[in-house]
Amino acid sequence: MNFGRWNSSRFGRGRVASAAMRLGSALVLIGGILMIVFALVGSLGSLASLGLSRSIPTAYGFESGIVAGMGALIDLVGGILAIFGSRRAYSLIWGIVLLIVGLVVGGWGGLLVLAGAIIALVASHV
C-alpha cells in the first residue's frame, strides 16, 4: 500500500491523523478479506448441505439455494469493494460507499469495514 500521499490530512498535519488513516485502511482491508473468506466458506457449506437434503422437495431446495447464493454473492461483492476501497477510505465518496457496504454485509467483516471507514473519514476530515 502506498501511504506516501498520507503524510498529512486535510486540515491537521500530524502523525496522529496519518496513523489513524492507516489504521482505518488496515481495518477495511482485513474486513474485506474476512467478507470474502466467510462468503466462500458459507457457499461451500450450503453446497455440501444441498447434497445431504434429498428428502426436501426440489422447489424448496431450489429456493433456499437461490437465497443462500444471493447472500454469498452480496458478501463476495462487498468484500471485493472493501479491498479496492481500502486504499481510498479517507475519501468522502469511498468512505460513504464503505459505510454502506459494512452495513449491508454485516458480520465480523462488515463490522471491521464499518469501523475502518469511520476512523479513516474522521481522521481525514477533522
N, C-alpha and C. Protein backbone atom coordinates (compact mmCIF):
# COMPACT_ATOMS: atom_id res chain seq x y z
N MET A 1 0.83 -1.17 0.00
CA MET A 1 0.00 0.00 0.00
C MET A 1 0.88 1.24 0.00
N ASN A 2 0.48 2.21 -0.75
CA ASN A 2 1.24 3.44 -0.87
C ASN A 2 0.70 4.46 0.13
N PHE A 3 1.41 4.65 1.23
CA PHE A 3 0.99 5.61 2.22
C PHE A 3 1.75 6.92 2.09
N GLY A 4 2.51 7.11 1.02
CA GLY A 4 3.28 8.32 0.84
C GLY A 4 2.42 9.55 0.73
N ARG A 5 1.25 9.42 0.16
CA ARG A 5 0.40 10.60 -0.01
C ARG A 5 -0.37 10.92 1.26
N TRP A 6 -0.25 10.11 2.29
CA TRP A 6 -1.00 10.31 3.52
C TRP A 6 -0.15 10.97 4.61
N ASN A 7 0.85 11.73 4.23
CA ASN A 7 1.70 12.35 5.24
C ASN A 7 0.96 13.41 6.03
N SER A 8 -0.09 13.96 5.46
CA SER A 8 -0.87 14.94 6.20
C SER A 8 -2.33 14.79 5.84
N SER A 9 -3.18 15.15 6.77
CA SER A 9 -4.60 15.09 6.50
C SER A 9 -5.04 16.42 5.90
N ARG A 10 -6.32 16.54 5.69
CA ARG A 10 -6.83 17.73 5.02
C ARG A 10 -6.61 18.99 5.84
N PHE A 11 -6.90 18.93 7.14
CA PHE A 11 -6.76 20.12 7.98
C PHE A 11 -5.64 19.98 9.01
N GLY A 12 -5.52 18.83 9.60
CA GLY A 12 -4.49 18.63 10.61
C GLY A 12 -3.29 17.93 10.01
N ARG A 13 -2.13 18.53 10.19
CA ARG A 13 -0.93 17.96 9.62
C ARG A 13 -0.13 17.28 10.73
N GLY A 14 -0.56 16.12 11.11
CA GLY A 14 0.12 15.45 12.20
C GLY A 14 0.24 13.97 11.95
N ARG A 15 1.02 13.37 12.81
CA ARG A 15 1.22 11.92 12.70
C ARG A 15 0.02 11.15 13.20
N VAL A 16 -0.77 11.74 14.08
CA VAL A 16 -1.92 11.05 14.64
C VAL A 16 -2.96 10.81 13.54
N ALA A 17 -3.22 11.84 12.71
CA ALA A 17 -4.19 11.70 11.63
C ALA A 17 -3.72 10.67 10.62
N SER A 18 -2.44 10.69 10.31
CA SER A 18 -1.89 9.73 9.35
C SER A 18 -1.97 8.31 9.90
N ALA A 19 -1.65 8.15 11.17
CA ALA A 19 -1.72 6.82 11.77
C ALA A 19 -3.17 6.33 11.86
N ALA A 20 -4.09 7.24 12.13
CA ALA A 20 -5.50 6.85 12.20
C ALA A 20 -6.01 6.46 10.81
N MET A 21 -5.58 7.16 9.78
CA MET A 21 -5.99 6.79 8.42
C MET A 21 -5.42 5.43 8.03
N ARG A 22 -4.20 5.16 8.42
CA ARG A 22 -3.61 3.85 8.16
C ARG A 22 -4.35 2.75 8.91
N LEU A 23 -4.72 3.03 10.15
CA LEU A 23 -5.48 2.07 10.94
C LEU A 23 -6.84 1.80 10.28
N GLY A 24 -7.52 2.86 9.86
CA GLY A 24 -8.80 2.68 9.19
C GLY A 24 -8.67 1.89 7.90
N SER A 25 -7.64 2.19 7.13
CA SER A 25 -7.40 1.45 5.89
C SER A 25 -7.11 -0.01 6.15
N ALA A 26 -6.32 -0.28 7.19
CA ALA A 26 -5.99 -1.68 7.53
C ALA A 26 -7.24 -2.43 8.00
N LEU A 27 -8.09 -1.77 8.78
CA LEU A 27 -9.32 -2.42 9.24
C LEU A 27 -10.25 -2.73 8.07
N VAL A 28 -10.33 -1.80 7.11
CA VAL A 28 -11.18 -2.03 5.93
C VAL A 28 -10.63 -3.20 5.12
N LEU A 29 -9.31 -3.26 4.96
CA LEU A 29 -8.70 -4.36 4.21
C LEU A 29 -8.93 -5.71 4.89
N ILE A 30 -8.73 -5.78 6.19
CA ILE A 30 -8.95 -7.02 6.92
C ILE A 30 -10.42 -7.42 6.86
N GLY A 31 -11.31 -6.44 7.00
CA GLY A 31 -12.74 -6.73 6.91
C GLY A 31 -13.14 -7.24 5.54
N GLY A 32 -12.56 -6.68 4.48
CA GLY A 32 -12.85 -7.16 3.13
C GLY A 32 -12.37 -8.59 2.91
N ILE A 33 -11.21 -8.90 3.44
CA ILE A 33 -10.69 -10.27 3.32
C ILE A 33 -11.59 -11.24 4.09
N LEU A 34 -12.02 -10.83 5.29
CA LEU A 34 -12.92 -11.69 6.07
C LEU A 34 -14.26 -11.90 5.35
N MET A 35 -14.76 -10.85 4.71
CA MET A 35 -16.01 -10.99 3.96
C MET A 35 -15.89 -12.04 2.86
N ILE A 36 -14.79 -11.99 2.12
CA ILE A 36 -14.60 -12.94 1.03
C ILE A 36 -14.43 -14.36 1.57
N VAL A 37 -13.64 -14.50 2.63
CA VAL A 37 -13.43 -15.84 3.22
C VAL A 37 -14.74 -16.41 3.74
N PHE A 38 -15.52 -15.61 4.46
CA PHE A 38 -16.78 -16.10 5.00
C PHE A 38 -17.78 -16.40 3.89
N ALA A 39 -17.76 -15.63 2.80
CA ALA A 39 -18.66 -15.91 1.68
C ALA A 39 -18.31 -17.24 1.03
N LEU A 40 -17.01 -17.50 0.85
CA LEU A 40 -16.61 -18.76 0.23
C LEU A 40 -16.90 -19.95 1.14
N VAL A 41 -16.63 -19.81 2.43
CA VAL A 41 -16.91 -20.90 3.36
C VAL A 41 -18.41 -21.16 3.46
N GLY A 42 -19.20 -20.10 3.48
CA GLY A 42 -20.65 -20.26 3.55
C GLY A 42 -21.23 -20.89 2.30
N SER A 43 -20.68 -20.52 1.14
CA SER A 43 -21.19 -21.13 -0.09
C SER A 43 -20.79 -22.60 -0.18
N LEU A 44 -19.60 -22.95 0.28
CA LEU A 44 -19.21 -24.36 0.30
C LEU A 44 -20.07 -25.16 1.27
N GLY A 45 -20.42 -24.54 2.41
CA GLY A 45 -21.28 -25.22 3.37
C GLY A 45 -22.68 -25.42 2.83
N SER A 46 -23.19 -24.44 2.09
CA SER A 46 -24.54 -24.61 1.54
C SER A 46 -24.55 -25.63 0.41
N LEU A 47 -23.46 -25.71 -0.35
CA LEU A 47 -23.38 -26.74 -1.38
C LEU A 47 -23.30 -28.13 -0.77
N ALA A 48 -22.58 -28.26 0.33
CA ALA A 48 -22.45 -29.56 0.98
C ALA A 48 -23.79 -29.99 1.59
N SER A 49 -24.53 -29.03 2.13
CA SER A 49 -25.81 -29.39 2.75
C SER A 49 -26.88 -29.69 1.70
N LEU A 50 -26.74 -29.18 0.48
CA LEU A 50 -27.71 -29.49 -0.57
C LEU A 50 -27.65 -30.97 -0.95
N GLY A 51 -26.47 -31.55 -0.92
CA GLY A 51 -26.34 -32.97 -1.24
C GLY A 51 -26.90 -33.87 -0.17
N LEU A 52 -26.96 -33.39 1.07
CA LEU A 52 -27.45 -34.21 2.17
C LEU A 52 -28.96 -34.16 2.32
N SER A 53 -29.60 -33.16 1.75
CA SER A 53 -31.04 -32.99 1.97
C SER A 53 -31.82 -33.50 0.76
N ARG A 54 -31.86 -34.78 0.60
CA ARG A 54 -32.61 -35.39 -0.51
C ARG A 54 -34.10 -35.48 -0.20
N SER A 55 -34.48 -35.41 1.08
CA SER A 55 -35.89 -35.56 1.43
C SER A 55 -36.69 -34.27 1.22
N ILE A 56 -36.00 -33.14 1.06
CA ILE A 56 -36.70 -31.88 0.85
C ILE A 56 -37.15 -31.81 -0.61
N PRO A 57 -38.38 -31.40 -0.88
CA PRO A 57 -38.82 -31.26 -2.27
C PRO A 57 -37.94 -30.26 -3.03
N THR A 58 -37.82 -30.45 -4.33
CA THR A 58 -36.88 -29.66 -5.12
C THR A 58 -37.24 -28.18 -5.17
N ALA A 59 -38.51 -27.84 -5.10
CA ALA A 59 -38.89 -26.43 -5.15
C ALA A 59 -38.34 -25.69 -3.94
N TYR A 60 -38.45 -26.29 -2.76
CA TYR A 60 -37.93 -25.64 -1.57
C TYR A 60 -36.41 -25.64 -1.56
N GLY A 61 -35.82 -26.71 -1.99
CA GLY A 61 -34.36 -26.77 -2.06
C GLY A 61 -33.80 -25.78 -3.05
N PHE A 62 -34.49 -25.59 -4.17
CA PHE A 62 -34.03 -24.63 -5.17
C PHE A 62 -34.15 -23.21 -4.64
N GLU A 63 -35.24 -22.94 -3.93
CA GLU A 63 -35.44 -21.60 -3.40
C GLU A 63 -34.40 -21.27 -2.33
N SER A 64 -34.13 -22.22 -1.46
CA SER A 64 -33.14 -21.96 -0.43
C SER A 64 -31.74 -21.84 -1.03
N GLY A 65 -31.50 -22.55 -2.13
CA GLY A 65 -30.22 -22.41 -2.81
C GLY A 65 -30.05 -21.03 -3.43
N ILE A 66 -31.13 -20.47 -3.98
CA ILE A 66 -31.05 -19.13 -4.55
C ILE A 66 -30.80 -18.10 -3.45
N VAL A 67 -31.50 -18.24 -2.33
CA VAL A 67 -31.33 -17.29 -1.24
C VAL A 67 -29.91 -17.37 -0.68
N ALA A 68 -29.40 -18.56 -0.49
CA ALA A 68 -28.04 -18.73 0.02
C ALA A 68 -27.02 -18.22 -0.99
N GLY A 69 -27.29 -18.44 -2.26
CA GLY A 69 -26.38 -17.96 -3.30
C GLY A 69 -26.34 -16.45 -3.39
N MET A 70 -27.49 -15.80 -3.21
CA MET A 70 -27.51 -14.33 -3.25
C MET A 70 -26.77 -13.73 -2.05
N GLY A 71 -26.93 -14.35 -0.89
CA GLY A 71 -26.20 -13.86 0.28
C GLY A 71 -24.70 -13.98 0.12
N ALA A 72 -24.25 -15.11 -0.44
CA ALA A 72 -22.82 -15.29 -0.67
C ALA A 72 -22.32 -14.33 -1.74
N LEU A 73 -23.15 -14.07 -2.75
CA LEU A 73 -22.76 -13.13 -3.81
C LEU A 73 -22.64 -11.70 -3.27
N ILE A 74 -23.57 -11.31 -2.41
CA ILE A 74 -23.50 -9.97 -1.81
C ILE A 74 -22.26 -9.85 -0.93
N ASP A 75 -21.96 -10.89 -0.15
CA ASP A 75 -20.75 -10.87 0.67
C ASP A 75 -19.50 -10.79 -0.18
N LEU A 76 -19.47 -11.53 -1.28
CA LEU A 76 -18.30 -11.55 -2.15
C LEU A 76 -18.08 -10.19 -2.81
N VAL A 77 -19.14 -9.60 -3.35
CA VAL A 77 -19.03 -8.29 -3.99
C VAL A 77 -18.66 -7.22 -2.96
N GLY A 78 -19.26 -7.31 -1.76
CA GLY A 78 -18.90 -6.37 -0.70
C GLY A 78 -17.44 -6.49 -0.29
N GLY A 79 -16.93 -7.70 -0.22
CA GLY A 79 -15.52 -7.90 0.12
C GLY A 79 -14.59 -7.35 -0.94
N ILE A 80 -14.95 -7.55 -2.21
CA ILE A 80 -14.11 -7.00 -3.29
C ILE A 80 -14.13 -5.48 -3.27
N LEU A 81 -15.32 -4.88 -3.05
CA LEU A 81 -15.41 -3.42 -2.94
C LEU A 81 -14.59 -2.91 -1.75
N ALA A 82 -14.63 -3.63 -0.64
CA ALA A 82 -13.88 -3.20 0.54
C ALA A 82 -12.37 -3.28 0.30
N ILE A 83 -11.92 -4.31 -0.40
CA ILE A 83 -10.48 -4.43 -0.68
C ILE A 83 -10.03 -3.32 -1.62
N PHE A 84 -10.81 -3.06 -2.67
CA PHE A 84 -10.43 -1.98 -3.58
C PHE A 84 -10.56 -0.61 -2.92
N GLY A 85 -11.54 -0.45 -2.05
CA GLY A 85 -11.74 0.84 -1.40
C GLY A 85 -10.86 1.09 -0.21
N SER A 86 -10.11 0.10 0.23
CA SER A 86 -9.27 0.29 1.41
C SER A 86 -8.16 1.31 1.17
N ARG A 87 -7.71 1.44 -0.04
CA ARG A 87 -6.69 2.44 -0.34
C ARG A 87 -7.24 3.85 -0.35
N ARG A 88 -8.54 3.98 -0.57
CA ARG A 88 -9.16 5.30 -0.67
C ARG A 88 -10.19 5.52 0.42
N ALA A 89 -10.03 4.91 1.56
CA ALA A 89 -11.01 5.01 2.63
C ALA A 89 -11.09 6.42 3.19
N TYR A 90 -10.07 7.22 3.02
CA TYR A 90 -10.06 8.59 3.52
C TYR A 90 -10.90 9.53 2.65
N SER A 91 -11.20 9.14 1.42
CA SER A 91 -12.01 9.95 0.52
C SER A 91 -13.47 9.92 0.98
N LEU A 92 -14.18 11.03 0.78
CA LEU A 92 -15.56 11.11 1.24
C LEU A 92 -16.46 10.12 0.50
N ILE A 93 -16.31 10.04 -0.82
CA ILE A 93 -17.16 9.15 -1.61
C ILE A 93 -16.90 7.68 -1.24
N TRP A 94 -15.62 7.29 -1.21
CA TRP A 94 -15.30 5.90 -0.88
C TRP A 94 -15.64 5.58 0.58
N GLY A 95 -15.52 6.58 1.44
CA GLY A 95 -15.90 6.36 2.83
C GLY A 95 -17.38 6.05 2.98
N ILE A 96 -18.22 6.79 2.23
CA ILE A 96 -19.66 6.53 2.27
C ILE A 96 -19.98 5.17 1.65
N VAL A 97 -19.31 4.83 0.55
CA VAL A 97 -19.52 3.52 -0.07
C VAL A 97 -19.14 2.41 0.90
N LEU A 98 -18.03 2.57 1.60
CA LEU A 98 -17.59 1.54 2.55
C LEU A 98 -18.51 1.46 3.76
N LEU A 99 -19.06 2.59 4.19
CA LEU A 99 -20.04 2.55 5.27
C LEU A 99 -21.27 1.75 4.87
N ILE A 100 -21.75 1.97 3.64
CA ILE A 100 -22.92 1.25 3.15
C ILE A 100 -22.61 -0.24 3.01
N VAL A 101 -21.42 -0.56 2.49
CA VAL A 101 -21.03 -1.96 2.34
C VAL A 101 -20.96 -2.64 3.70
N GLY A 102 -20.39 -1.98 4.69
CA GLY A 102 -20.31 -2.55 6.03
C GLY A 102 -21.67 -2.78 6.65
N LEU A 103 -22.61 -1.86 6.40
CA LEU A 103 -23.95 -2.02 6.94
C LEU A 103 -24.73 -3.12 6.24
N VAL A 104 -24.58 -3.23 4.91
CA VAL A 104 -25.35 -4.21 4.15
C VAL A 104 -24.85 -5.62 4.40
N VAL A 105 -23.54 -5.81 4.39
CA VAL A 105 -23.00 -7.17 4.51
C VAL A 105 -23.10 -7.67 5.94
N GLY A 106 -22.72 -6.87 6.90
CA GLY A 106 -22.81 -7.29 8.30
C GLY A 106 -21.77 -8.32 8.67
N GLY A 107 -21.92 -8.91 9.81
CA GLY A 107 -20.96 -9.90 10.30
C GLY A 107 -19.69 -9.23 10.79
N TRP A 108 -18.67 -10.04 11.05
CA TRP A 108 -17.40 -9.51 11.53
C TRP A 108 -16.69 -8.68 10.47
N GLY A 109 -16.75 -9.13 9.22
CA GLY A 109 -16.12 -8.38 8.15
C GLY A 109 -16.78 -7.03 7.94
N GLY A 110 -18.10 -7.01 7.96
CA GLY A 110 -18.83 -5.76 7.81
C GLY A 110 -18.58 -4.80 8.95
N LEU A 111 -18.47 -5.35 10.16
CA LEU A 111 -18.18 -4.52 11.33
C LEU A 111 -16.80 -3.88 11.22
N LEU A 112 -15.81 -4.64 10.77
CA LEU A 112 -14.47 -4.08 10.60
C LEU A 112 -14.44 -3.03 9.49
N VAL A 113 -15.15 -3.28 8.40
CA VAL A 113 -15.21 -2.30 7.31
C VAL A 113 -15.89 -1.02 7.80
N LEU A 114 -16.97 -1.17 8.53
CA LEU A 114 -17.69 -0.01 9.05
C LEU A 114 -16.81 0.80 10.00
N ALA A 115 -16.15 0.14 10.93
CA ALA A 115 -15.28 0.83 11.89
C ALA A 115 -14.09 1.48 11.18
N GLY A 116 -13.49 0.78 10.22
CA GLY A 116 -12.36 1.34 9.49
C GLY A 116 -12.75 2.55 8.66
N ALA A 117 -13.92 2.51 8.04
CA ALA A 117 -14.37 3.65 7.25
C ALA A 117 -14.65 4.86 8.14
N ILE A 118 -15.23 4.63 9.30
CA ILE A 118 -15.50 5.74 10.21
C ILE A 118 -14.19 6.34 10.71
N ILE A 119 -13.26 5.51 11.09
CA ILE A 119 -11.96 6.01 11.58
C ILE A 119 -11.23 6.80 10.50
N ALA A 120 -11.20 6.27 9.27
CA ALA A 120 -10.49 6.96 8.19
C ALA A 120 -11.18 8.28 7.83
N LEU A 121 -12.49 8.28 7.79
CA LEU A 121 -13.20 9.52 7.46
C LEU A 121 -13.02 10.58 8.54
N VAL A 122 -13.10 10.18 9.78
CA VAL A 122 -12.91 11.15 10.87
C VAL A 122 -11.48 11.68 10.86
N ALA A 123 -10.51 10.83 10.64
CA ALA A 123 -9.11 11.26 10.65
C ALA A 123 -8.80 12.19 9.47
N SER A 124 -9.44 11.98 8.34
CA SER A 124 -9.11 12.81 7.18
C SER A 124 -9.89 14.11 7.13
N HIS A 125 -11.02 14.19 7.81
CA HIS A 125 -11.84 15.40 7.72
C HIS A 125 -11.94 16.20 9.00
N VAL A 126 -11.14 15.84 10.00
CA VAL A 126 -11.13 16.63 11.24
C VAL A 126 -9.78 17.25 11.41
